[in-house]
Amino acid sequence: MSKNEKILYAGIECIVDGKPVHCTLAWLNNPIDRPFLYRNYFENYPFGKTVELHLIRKGTNSTHSGYQVELPESVIPWFALRIPHITMSVANDCKAVDTWKVFATTGNCTNCDITVIGTVGYWTSKRGFQTKPLI
């Protein structure tokens, strides 16, 4: 473990429309050298598990575009956000974390039925996507 490295978020990495993307399960932003801060979150976490993600709606607004995701039962206990989604694009000066707002209404959304395969893991500030337990 590297000092000053952080666990940024837990989630599922996959490929959508030929682009590597992810569905965040939880924003953690914890120092990796202080495991007591995230020990409870990762208890029984399905590190490296391959899962199917069902993309059920595609949506856009003036700042964000993405897909609403139906999560598999096996990862729902670790989901800690509002609406599961995958961000495909975001305007300058905007945050990808706000893509869920596109799906809070039926506005600019269309139903879809797409299944993609993803891997459960977490991202760190220095090593990127990881699938093995921290300790």
Protein backbone atom coordinates (compact mmCIF):
# COMPACT_ATOMS: atom_id res chain seq x y z
CA MET A 1 0.00 0.00 0.00
CA SER A 2 1.22 3.43 -0.84
CA LYS A 3 1.06 6.33 1.59
CA ASN A 4 -1.20 9.15 0.31
CA GLU A 5 -3.05 6.70 -1.93
CA LYS A 6 -6.85 6.71 -1.62
CA ILE A 7 -9.60 4.24 -2.31
CA LEU A 8 -11.78 6.47 -4.45
CA TYR A 9 -14.86 4.35 -5.05
CA ALA A 10 -16.22 0.83 -5.29
CA GLY A 11 -18.04 -0.31 -8.39
CA ILE A 12 -18.28 -2.37 -11.54
CA GLU A 13 -16.02 -1.88 -14.54
CA CYS A 14 -17.41 -2.75 -17.98
CA ILE A 15 -17.43 -1.77 -21.65
CA VAL A 16 -20.43 0.10 -23.06
CA ASP A 17 -20.60 1.36 -26.65
CA GLY A 18 -16.93 0.34 -27.03
CA LYS A 19 -15.86 2.59 -24.15
CA PRO A 20 -14.44 1.46 -20.78
CA VAL A 21 -16.84 2.80 -18.13
CA HIS A 22 -18.05 1.98 -14.64
CA CYS A 23 -21.10 1.91 -12.43
CA THR A 24 -20.22 3.32 -9.02
CA LEU A 25 -21.59 1.44 -6.03
CA ALA A 26 -20.22 3.79 -3.36
CA TRP A 27 -17.97 6.84 -3.19
CA LEU A 28 -15.41 6.09 -0.48
CA ASN A 29 -12.53 8.57 -0.81
CA ASN A 30 -10.62 7.03 2.11
CA PRO A 31 -6.86 6.86 2.67
CA ILE A 32 -5.74 3.35 1.75
CA ASP A 33 -3.25 3.22 4.62
CA ARG A 34 -6.11 3.56 7.16
CA PRO A 35 -8.04 0.31 6.62
CA PHE A 36 -10.32 0.80 9.63
CA LEU A 37 -12.16 3.46 7.61
CA TYR A 38 -13.41 1.00 4.99
CA ARG A 39 -13.23 -2.42 6.66
CA ASN A 40 -17.01 -2.62 7.24
CA TYR A 41 -17.85 -1.61 3.68
CA PHE A 42 -15.71 -4.34 2.12
CA GLU A 43 -16.86 -7.12 4.45
CA ASN A 44 -18.03 -9.96 2.15
CA TYR A 45 -17.53 -7.69 -0.89
CA PRO A 46 -17.53 -9.76 -4.13
CA PHE A 47 -13.98 -8.79 -5.23
CA GLY A 48 -13.35 -9.73 -8.87
CA LYS A 49 -16.80 -11.25 -9.42
CA THR A 50 -18.13 -11.15 -12.98
CA VAL A 51 -21.67 -9.77 -13.11
CA GLU A 52 -24.29 -8.88 -15.71
CA LEU A 53 -25.49 -5.29 -15.73
CA HIS A 54 -28.82 -4.53 -17.39
CA LEU A 55 -28.96 -1.10 -18.98
CA ILE A 56 -32.64 -0.22 -18.88
CA ARG A 57 -32.79 3.45 -19.97
CA LYS A 58 -30.58 5.75 -21.99
CA GLY A 59 -30.82 9.41 -21.11
CA THR A 60 -29.37 12.84 -21.79
CA ASN A 61 -29.77 16.38 -20.64
CA SER A 62 -27.79 19.53 -21.44
CA THR A 63 -24.81 18.39 -19.35
CA HIS A 64 -24.85 14.60 -18.98
CA SER A 65 -25.53 11.41 -20.90
CA GLY A 66 -25.58 7.85 -19.70
CA TYR A 67 -27.48 4.67 -18.94
CA GLN A 68 -29.64 3.75 -15.98
CA VAL A 69 -28.55 0.37 -14.64
CA GLU A 70 -30.51 -2.43 -13.04
CA LEU A 71 -28.00 -3.94 -10.63
CA PRO A 72 -27.67 -7.67 -10.03
CA GLU A 73 -28.89 -8.82 -6.60
CA SER A 74 -25.35 -9.83 -5.64
CA VAL A 75 -24.11 -6.22 -5.48
CA ILE A 76 -27.18 -4.38 -4.17
CA PRO A 77 -25.99 -4.58 -0.53
CA TRP A 78 -23.01 -2.37 -1.48
CA PHE A 79 -24.97 0.23 -3.46
CA ALA A 80 -25.02 3.53 -1.55
CA LEU A 81 -26.08 6.16 -4.10
CA ARG A 82 -29.37 7.38 -5.58
CA ILE A 83 -30.00 5.80 -8.99
CA PRO A 84 -27.50 3.29 -10.38
CA HIS A 85 -26.08 4.61 -13.64
CA ILE A 86 -23.16 4.65 -16.04
CA THR A 87 -21.96 8.06 -17.19
CA MET A 88 -21.09 8.15 -20.89
CA SER A 89 -20.31 11.86 -21.20
CA VAL A 90 -20.34 14.99 -19.09
CA ALA A 91 -19.96 18.68 -19.98
CA ASN A 92 -16.97 20.70 -18.83
CA ASP A 93 -17.30 22.00 -15.27
CA CYS A 94 -19.86 19.30 -14.42
CA LYS A 95 -19.48 16.16 -12.30
CA ALA A 96 -20.18 12.64 -13.49
CA VAL A 97 -21.70 11.84 -10.11
CA ASP A 98 -24.69 13.99 -11.10
CA THR A 99 -25.69 11.78 -14.04
CA TRP A 100 -28.33 10.11 -11.84
CA LYS A 101 -30.39 13.31 -12.17
CA VAL A 102 -31.02 12.51 -15.84
CA PHE A 103 -33.00 9.47 -14.68
CA ALA A 104 -34.87 11.16 -11.82
CA THR A 105 -37.54 12.14 -14.36
CA THR A 106 -38.75 10.53 -17.55
CA GLY A 107 -37.68 13.62 -19.54
CA ASN A 108 -35.03 12.83 -22.13
CA CYS A 109 -34.88 9.08 -21.52
CA THR A 110 -35.64 6.16 -23.77
CA ASN A 111 -36.07 2.58 -22.68
CA CYS A 112 -33.44 0.11 -23.75
CA ASP A 113 -32.59 -3.50 -23.06
CA ILE A 114 -28.83 -3.97 -23.11
CA THR A 115 -26.82 -6.44 -21.06
CA VAL A 116 -23.11 -5.91 -20.46
CA ILE A 117 -20.61 -7.94 -18.47
CA GLY A 118 -18.66 -6.22 -15.72
CA THR A 119 -16.16 -6.96 -12.98
CA VAL A 120 -16.64 -5.90 -9.36
CA GLY A 121 -13.79 -4.01 -7.75
CA TYR A 122 -12.64 -0.63 -6.55
CA TRP A 123 -10.49 2.24 -7.82
CA THR A 124 -7.49 3.79 -6.13
CA SER A 125 -5.89 7.14 -6.80
CA LYS A 126 -2.57 5.58 -7.83
CA ARG A 127 -3.26 2.07 -9.17
CA GLY A 128 -6.62 2.46 -10.86
CA PHE A 129 -9.09 -0.44 -10.95
CA GLN A 130 -8.38 -3.28 -8.51
CA THR A 131 -10.16 -6.60 -7.99
CA LYS A 132 -8.26 -8.16 -5.09
CA PRO A 133 -8.97 -7.55 -1.39
CA LEU A 134 -6.90 -4.81 0.19
CA ILE A 135 -5.57 -6.88 3.06
